[in-house]
Amino acid sequence: MAQGKENPPAAKPLGEMEVAVSRILRIGVLTSTVVIAFGLLLLFLRDGLAVAHVSQVLHAPPTAPAYPVSPGELLRESVRGNPAAIIALGLVLLIATPVLRVAASVFLFLREGDRLYAGITLFVLVVLLLSFVLGEAGV
């Protein structure tokens, strides 16, 4: 070993919070991937011209959407087996995953007794949720 060179510090073991956040992100991404893949499989199994349907979904005029636009309609159509709704549900799950991560962080910071970071994270969560509500309202 050369003199003057020190070994890099050992990697700090992950804390409970990092493991929980990592698990939430991993489960969210895997779940949304499975749902989207299932929707794509249904889309392609429904008939042999599924590529034409994908094109219709992507290029549908905004006045006549080919996919559900409200959460209730999304859930109803997903239960009925509408492939476009199932794909959209997977995308909603993918979008919701980081929001769930922020919500979980609030509780984890509170459990660790870190009120400052819990407050900052709660503020971020409120801004995220408010942006969804304002986006839905078209503001």
Foldseek 3Di string as FASTA:
>chain_A
DDPPDDDPDDDDDDDPLVVVLVVLLVVLLVVLVVLLVLLVVLLCVVDVVSVVVVVCQVPPDPVDHPEDDDPVRLVVVVVVPNSRSSNVVSVVSNVCSVLVSLVVVLVVCVVVVNVVVNVVSVVVSVVVVVVVVCVVVVD
